[in-house]
Amino acid sequence: MDSGLKSSRLDRTSFFIRPTTEKWPISLVLSDAKLYIITAIGSFISFSFITCFISPLISRYFKSYSSLSPSQKCDWETRIASNIHAIIVGFISLYCLFFDAATNANPIWNDAPLVRIGISITMGYITADFFIILYNYRLIGDNFMLVHHLMAMTAYIFVVIFGILPFFANFRQLAELSTVFVNQRWYYSVIGQPHTSRSFLANAWLMVISFFFARVIVIPYYYYRCYIAWDTPEREMLGVIAQTLWILTSLVLDVLNVYWMGKMIRGGIKILSKPHKKKT
């Protein structure tokens, strides 16, 4: 990034990111992020509409849907939007990880338009999903998921508004590569798919492998990159609040992912340990 542009961005965002005597108007900061704020709002509206109107219409074409309980129907509908979001941002995150050289070279301060678009889409989606879960808490309330969404929203708002920490935010998006398989595991379970069927077992293996590689095994590398970036002037310019939320939200999300990975392993062991009748 050009030094003049970088200095300008640091100055404009200093009102929110680090202590300074200069007072930059919030309108200047928001103007710089206008595209990404609009994207986040559009994502929020789109995924709310998909969950509340499109998903129920699509779901009616599945025979198993009509026999589900109200809570299962609500969960079923939210997972359709979840799959759409996961596919979109999963491809964006992979592309940026391997082909966005600027973001990889400067992981803390970088405009990274495509990364910010992806994060804005996720910001809108998880905000919509957060309020949908709250509204339907009696049916699909999940405190762990609410904490997950809160941590993600807290971290991603800095990327959407200020464009900081693009590499680390995009790295977090890789977790969505496992979401489709997690959701499919739930669909199979709720419709009564036999746990010994080839489709169930194939998806179960894909779920565990993708979850492990996208959310768990990458944890050491993530914090290695944090360590490399920590002793740099760019990190110091973030300010205490941004630095604290960066590490705090990362730790909470990783604890949740390790917890969910443990549940998957225990569930897999339970299924494999059950005696199964041989087909005659």
Protein backbone atom coordinates (compact mmCIF):
# COMPACT_ATOMS: atom_id res chain seq x y z
CA MET A 1 0.00 0.00 0.00
CA ASP A 2 1.26 3.50 -0.83
CA SER A 3 2.71 5.20 2.28
CA GLY A 4 0.64 8.34 1.71
CA LEU A 5 -2.58 6.37 1.40
CA LYS A 6 -1.67 4.30 4.44
CA SER A 7 -0.93 7.42 6.48
CA SER A 8 -4.23 8.94 5.37
CA ARG A 9 -6.17 5.84 6.42
CA LEU A 10 -4.44 5.76 9.78
CA ASP A 11 -5.29 9.38 10.38
CA ARG A 12 -8.91 9.06 9.32
CA THR A 13 -9.53 6.06 11.54
CA SER A 14 -7.51 7.31 14.49
CA PHE A 15 -10.62 8.93 15.96
CA PHE A 16 -11.92 5.43 16.70
CA ILE A 17 -8.85 3.20 16.73
CA ARG A 18 -6.12 4.96 18.70
CA PRO A 19 -5.82 7.93 21.07
CA THR A 20 -5.11 11.18 19.28
CA THR A 21 -5.58 14.89 19.63
CA GLU A 22 -6.92 15.12 16.07
CA LYS A 23 -10.74 15.03 15.79
CA TRP A 24 -11.90 13.54 12.52
CA PRO A 25 -15.64 13.63 11.85
CA ILE A 26 -17.44 10.31 11.84
CA SER A 27 -18.94 11.22 8.45
CA LEU A 28 -15.46 10.94 6.88
CA VAL A 29 -14.95 7.45 8.30
CA LEU A 30 -18.42 6.29 7.25
CA SER A 31 -17.95 7.73 3.76
CA ASP A 32 -14.86 5.57 3.32
CA ALA A 33 -16.88 2.48 4.32
CA LYS A 34 -20.10 3.35 2.47
CA LEU A 35 -19.91 0.41 0.04
CA TYR A 36 -19.35 -2.10 2.83
CA ILE A 37 -22.06 -0.71 5.09
CA ILE A 38 -24.54 -0.90 2.21
CA THR A 39 -23.39 -4.47 1.51
CA ALA A 40 -23.91 -5.44 5.16
CA ILE A 41 -27.39 -3.88 5.22
CA GLY A 42 -28.28 -5.57 1.93
CA SER A 43 -27.03 -8.88 3.29
CA PHE A 44 -29.09 -8.44 6.45
CA ILE A 45 -32.26 -7.77 4.46
CA SER A 46 -31.58 -10.56 1.95
CA PHE A 47 -30.91 -13.29 4.49
CA SER A 48 -33.82 -12.19 6.66
CA PHE A 49 -36.09 -12.44 3.61
CA ILE A 50 -34.65 -15.84 2.63
CA THR A 51 -35.14 -17.26 6.12
CA CYS A 52 -38.61 -15.86 6.74
CA PHE A 53 -40.17 -16.20 3.26
CA ILE A 54 -38.09 -18.16 0.74
CA SER A 55 -37.02 -21.03 3.01
CA PRO A 56 -40.59 -21.98 4.07
CA LEU A 57 -41.64 -22.05 0.39
CA ILE A 58 -38.71 -24.23 -0.66
CA SER A 59 -39.09 -26.51 2.33
CA ARG A 60 -42.64 -27.48 1.39
CA TYR A 61 -41.26 -29.50 -1.52
CA PHE A 62 -39.52 -31.88 0.92
CA LYS A 63 -41.83 -34.63 2.14
CA SER A 64 -40.12 -34.87 5.54
CA TYR A 65 -40.68 -31.18 6.28
CA SER A 66 -44.43 -31.45 6.93
CA SER A 67 -43.93 -34.02 9.69
CA LEU A 68 -41.43 -31.94 11.64
CA SER A 69 -42.16 -30.16 14.91
CA PRO A 70 -42.39 -26.32 14.93
CA SER A 71 -38.88 -26.02 16.39
CA GLN A 72 -37.45 -28.39 13.77
CA LYS A 73 -39.18 -26.49 10.96
CA CYS A 74 -37.72 -23.21 12.23
CA ASP A 75 -34.25 -24.74 12.46
CA TRP A 76 -34.63 -26.28 9.01
CA GLU A 77 -35.46 -22.89 7.49
CA THR A 78 -32.55 -21.05 9.11
CA ARG A 79 -30.09 -23.66 7.82
CA ILE A 80 -31.07 -22.98 4.20
CA ALA A 81 -29.87 -19.38 4.58
CA SER A 82 -26.83 -20.68 6.47
CA ASN A 83 -25.86 -22.90 3.53
CA ILE A 84 -26.24 -20.08 1.00
CA HIS A 85 -24.09 -17.79 3.11
CA ALA A 86 -21.46 -20.48 3.70
CA ILE A 87 -21.05 -21.22 -0.01
CA ILE A 88 -20.69 -17.53 -0.95
CA VAL A 89 -18.21 -16.47 1.73
CA GLY A 90 -16.38 -19.82 1.64
CA PHE A 91 -15.36 -19.24 -1.98
CA ILE A 92 -14.47 -15.60 -1.29
CA SER A 93 -12.27 -16.50 1.69
CA LEU A 94 -10.43 -19.23 -0.24
CA TYR A 95 -9.80 -16.92 -3.18
CA CYS A 96 -8.50 -14.12 -0.95
CA LEU A 97 -6.30 -16.49 1.05
CA PHE A 98 -4.49 -17.81 -2.01
CA PHE A 99 -4.66 -14.96 -4.52
CA ASP A 100 -4.93 -11.67 -2.59
CA ALA A 101 -1.21 -10.98 -2.20
CA ALA A 102 -1.67 -7.51 -0.72
CA THR A 103 -3.80 -8.78 2.16
CA ASN A 104 -1.32 -11.53 2.97
CA ALA A 105 1.59 -9.07 2.82
CA ASN A 106 -0.06 -6.50 5.10
CA PRO A 107 -2.49 -8.39 7.38
CA ILE A 108 -3.37 -5.42 9.64
CA TRP A 109 -3.82 -2.33 7.48
CA ASN A 110 -5.12 -2.98 3.98
CA ASP A 111 -8.16 -1.78 2.05
CA ALA A 112 -8.73 -5.36 0.74
CA PRO A 113 -12.05 -4.64 -1.07
CA LEU A 114 -12.97 -8.28 -1.72
CA VAL A 115 -12.18 -9.32 1.87
CA ARG A 116 -14.30 -6.46 3.19
CA ILE A 117 -17.15 -7.42 0.85
CA GLY A 118 -17.04 -10.97 2.19
CA ILE A 119 -16.95 -9.78 5.79
CA SER A 120 -19.81 -7.36 5.12
CA ILE A 121 -21.92 -10.22 3.75
CA THR A 122 -21.18 -12.24 6.88
CA MET A 123 -21.89 -9.26 9.11
CA GLY A 124 -25.34 -8.90 7.60
CA TYR A 125 -26.03 -12.63 7.75
CA ILE A 126 -25.01 -13.24 11.36
CA THR A 127 -26.85 -10.10 12.50
CA ALA A 128 -30.02 -11.39 10.81
CA ASP A 129 -29.51 -14.88 12.21
CA PHE A 130 -28.83 -13.46 15.68
CA PHE A 131 -32.17 -11.64 15.79
CA ILE A 132 -34.01 -14.61 14.25
CA ILE A 133 -32.64 -16.86 17.00
CA LEU A 134 -33.64 -14.32 19.65
CA TYR A 135 -37.13 -13.95 18.19
CA ASN A 136 -37.55 -17.73 18.05
CA TYR A 137 -35.56 -18.44 21.19
CA ARG A 138 -38.25 -20.71 22.58
CA LEU A 139 -37.96 -22.89 19.48
CA ILE A 140 -34.28 -22.75 18.48
CA GLY A 141 -32.57 -20.89 21.32
CA ASP A 142 -28.85 -21.75 21.48
CA ASN A 143 -26.71 -19.76 23.90
CA PHE A 144 -23.45 -20.99 22.39
CA MET A 145 -24.54 -19.83 18.94
CA LEU A 146 -25.62 -16.45 20.30
CA VAL A 147 -22.19 -15.99 21.92
CA HIS A 148 -20.56 -17.05 18.64
CA HIS A 149 -22.57 -14.48 16.69
CA LEU A 150 -21.88 -11.70 19.21
CA MET A 151 -18.13 -12.34 19.07
CA ALA A 152 -18.16 -12.40 15.27
CA MET A 153 -20.22 -9.20 15.00
CA THR A 154 -17.94 -7.44 17.48
CA ALA A 155 -14.82 -8.40 15.54
CA TYR A 156 -16.17 -7.89 12.02
CA ILE A 157 -17.54 -4.40 12.56
CA PHE A 158 -13.94 -3.14 12.70
CA VAL A 159 -13.29 -4.68 9.29
CA VAL A 160 -16.49 -3.34 7.75
CA ILE A 161 -16.10 0.22 9.08
CA PHE A 162 -12.33 0.70 9.33
CA GLY A 163 -10.85 -1.97 7.07
CA ILE A 164 -8.39 -3.22 9.70
CA LEU A 165 -7.14 -6.80 10.24
CA PRO A 166 -8.33 -8.04 6.84
CA PHE A 167 -6.12 -11.15 6.78
CA PHE A 168 -7.24 -12.34 10.20
CA ALA A 169 -10.91 -11.67 9.47
CA ASN A 170 -10.69 -13.52 6.16
CA PHE A 171 -8.90 -16.41 7.86
CA ARG A 172 -11.86 -16.70 10.22
CA GLN A 173 -14.16 -16.98 7.21
CA LEU A 174 -12.55 -20.30 6.29
CA ALA A 175 -14.63 -21.85 9.08
CA GLU A 176 -17.65 -21.64 6.76
CA LEU A 177 -16.15 -24.39 4.58
CA SER A 178 -17.48 -26.90 7.11
CA THR A 179 -20.93 -25.36 7.58
CA VAL A 180 -22.73 -27.12 4.72
CA PHE A 181 -21.68 -30.54 6.04
CA VAL A 182 -22.67 -29.62 9.59
CA ASN A 183 -26.10 -28.56 8.36
CA GLN A 184 -26.48 -31.69 6.24
CA ARG A 185 -25.67 -33.81 9.30
CA TRP A 186 -28.58 -32.11 11.08
CA TYR A 187 -30.92 -32.64 8.10
CA TYR A 188 -30.08 -36.34 7.96
CA SER A 189 -30.68 -36.73 11.69
CA VAL A 190 -34.00 -34.90 11.76
CA ILE A 191 -35.48 -36.90 8.85
CA GLY A 192 -34.37 -40.17 10.41
CA GLN A 193 -31.65 -41.13 7.94
CA PRO A 194 -30.00 -44.36 9.22
CA HIS A 195 -26.61 -43.66 10.77
CA THR A 196 -25.21 -46.67 8.94
CA SER A 197 -26.27 -45.47 5.48
CA ARG A 198 -23.53 -44.57 3.00
CA SER A 199 -24.79 -41.02 2.54
CA PHE A 200 -24.91 -40.38 6.29
CA LEU A 201 -21.44 -41.81 6.89
CA ALA A 202 -19.93 -40.00 3.89
CA ASN A 203 -21.30 -36.66 5.07
CA ALA A 204 -20.23 -37.40 8.66
CA TRP A 205 -16.65 -37.95 7.55
CA LEU A 206 -16.69 -34.82 5.38
CA MET A 207 -18.14 -32.84 8.30
CA VAL A 208 -15.49 -33.96 10.79
CA ILE A 209 -12.59 -33.56 8.35
CA SER A 210 -13.68 -30.14 7.06
CA PHE A 211 -14.45 -28.89 10.58
CA PHE A 212 -11.07 -30.09 11.84
CA PHE A 213 -9.08 -28.54 9.00
CA ALA A 214 -11.09 -25.32 8.66
CA ARG A 215 -11.59 -24.55 12.36
CA VAL A 216 -9.24 -26.50 14.62
CA ILE A 217 -5.94 -27.49 13.03
CA VAL A 218 -5.51 -23.92 11.71
CA ILE A 219 -5.58 -22.44 15.23
CA PRO A 220 -1.79 -22.64 15.84
CA TYR A 221 -1.04 -21.03 12.48
CA TYR A 222 -3.57 -18.26 13.17
CA TYR A 223 -1.88 -17.32 16.44
CA TYR A 224 1.54 -17.66 14.82
CA ARG A 225 0.48 -14.96 12.36
CA CYS A 226 -0.82 -12.91 15.30
CA TYR A 227 2.60 -13.29 16.97
CA ILE A 228 4.43 -12.22 13.80
CA ALA A 229 2.19 -9.16 13.42
CA TRP A 230 2.26 -8.19 17.09
CA ASP A 231 5.70 -6.58 17.16
CA THR A 232 4.98 -4.14 14.35
CA PRO A 233 4.11 -0.43 14.18
CA GLU A 234 0.86 -1.31 12.40
CA ARG A 235 -0.35 -3.31 15.41
CA GLU A 236 0.49 -0.46 17.79
CA MET A 237 -1.59 1.92 15.69
CA LEU A 238 -4.70 -0.20 16.27
CA GLY A 239 -5.15 1.09 19.79
CA VAL A 240 -6.00 -0.82 22.96
CA ILE A 241 -9.69 -1.46 22.22
CA ALA A 242 -9.14 -2.92 18.76
CA GLN A 243 -6.20 -5.03 19.94
CA THR A 244 -8.13 -6.37 22.92
CA LEU A 245 -11.21 -7.27 20.88
CA TRP A 246 -9.04 -8.87 18.19
CA ILE A 247 -7.50 -11.35 20.61
CA LEU A 248 -10.52 -11.75 22.91
CA THR A 249 -12.98 -12.59 20.14
CA SER A 250 -10.46 -14.95 18.56
CA LEU A 251 -9.99 -16.86 21.81
CA VAL A 252 -13.73 -17.17 22.45
CA LEU A 253 -14.42 -18.40 18.90
CA ASP A 254 -11.60 -20.94 19.12
CA VAL A 255 -12.85 -22.27 22.45
CA LEU A 256 -16.29 -22.74 20.90
CA ASN A 257 -14.84 -24.51 17.85
CA VAL A 258 -12.77 -26.87 20.00
CA TYR A 259 -15.86 -27.55 22.14
CA TRP A 260 -17.96 -28.36 19.04
CA MET A 261 -15.15 -30.52 17.64
CA GLY A 262 -15.16 -32.48 20.89
CA LYS A 263 -18.92 -33.01 20.61
CA MET A 264 -18.51 -34.32 17.07
CA ILE A 265 -15.85 -36.79 18.13
CA ARG A 266 -17.89 -38.01 21.08
CA GLY A 267 -20.96 -38.38 18.87
CA GLY A 268 -18.97 -40.30 16.27
CA ILE A 269 -17.55 -42.66 18.86
CA LYS A 270 -21.04 -43.24 20.26
CA ILE A 271 -22.41 -44.15 16.82
CA LEU A 272 -19.47 -46.40 15.91
CA SER A 273 -19.61 -48.19 19.25
CA LYS A 274 -23.26 -49.17 18.83
CA PRO A 275 -23.83 -52.77 17.70
CA HIS A 276 -25.34 -52.90 14.24
CA LYS A 277 -27.36 -55.76 12.86
CA LYS A 278 -25.95 -57.36 9.77
CA LYS A 279 -28.20 -57.26 6.72
CA THR A 280 -29.46 -60.65 5.61
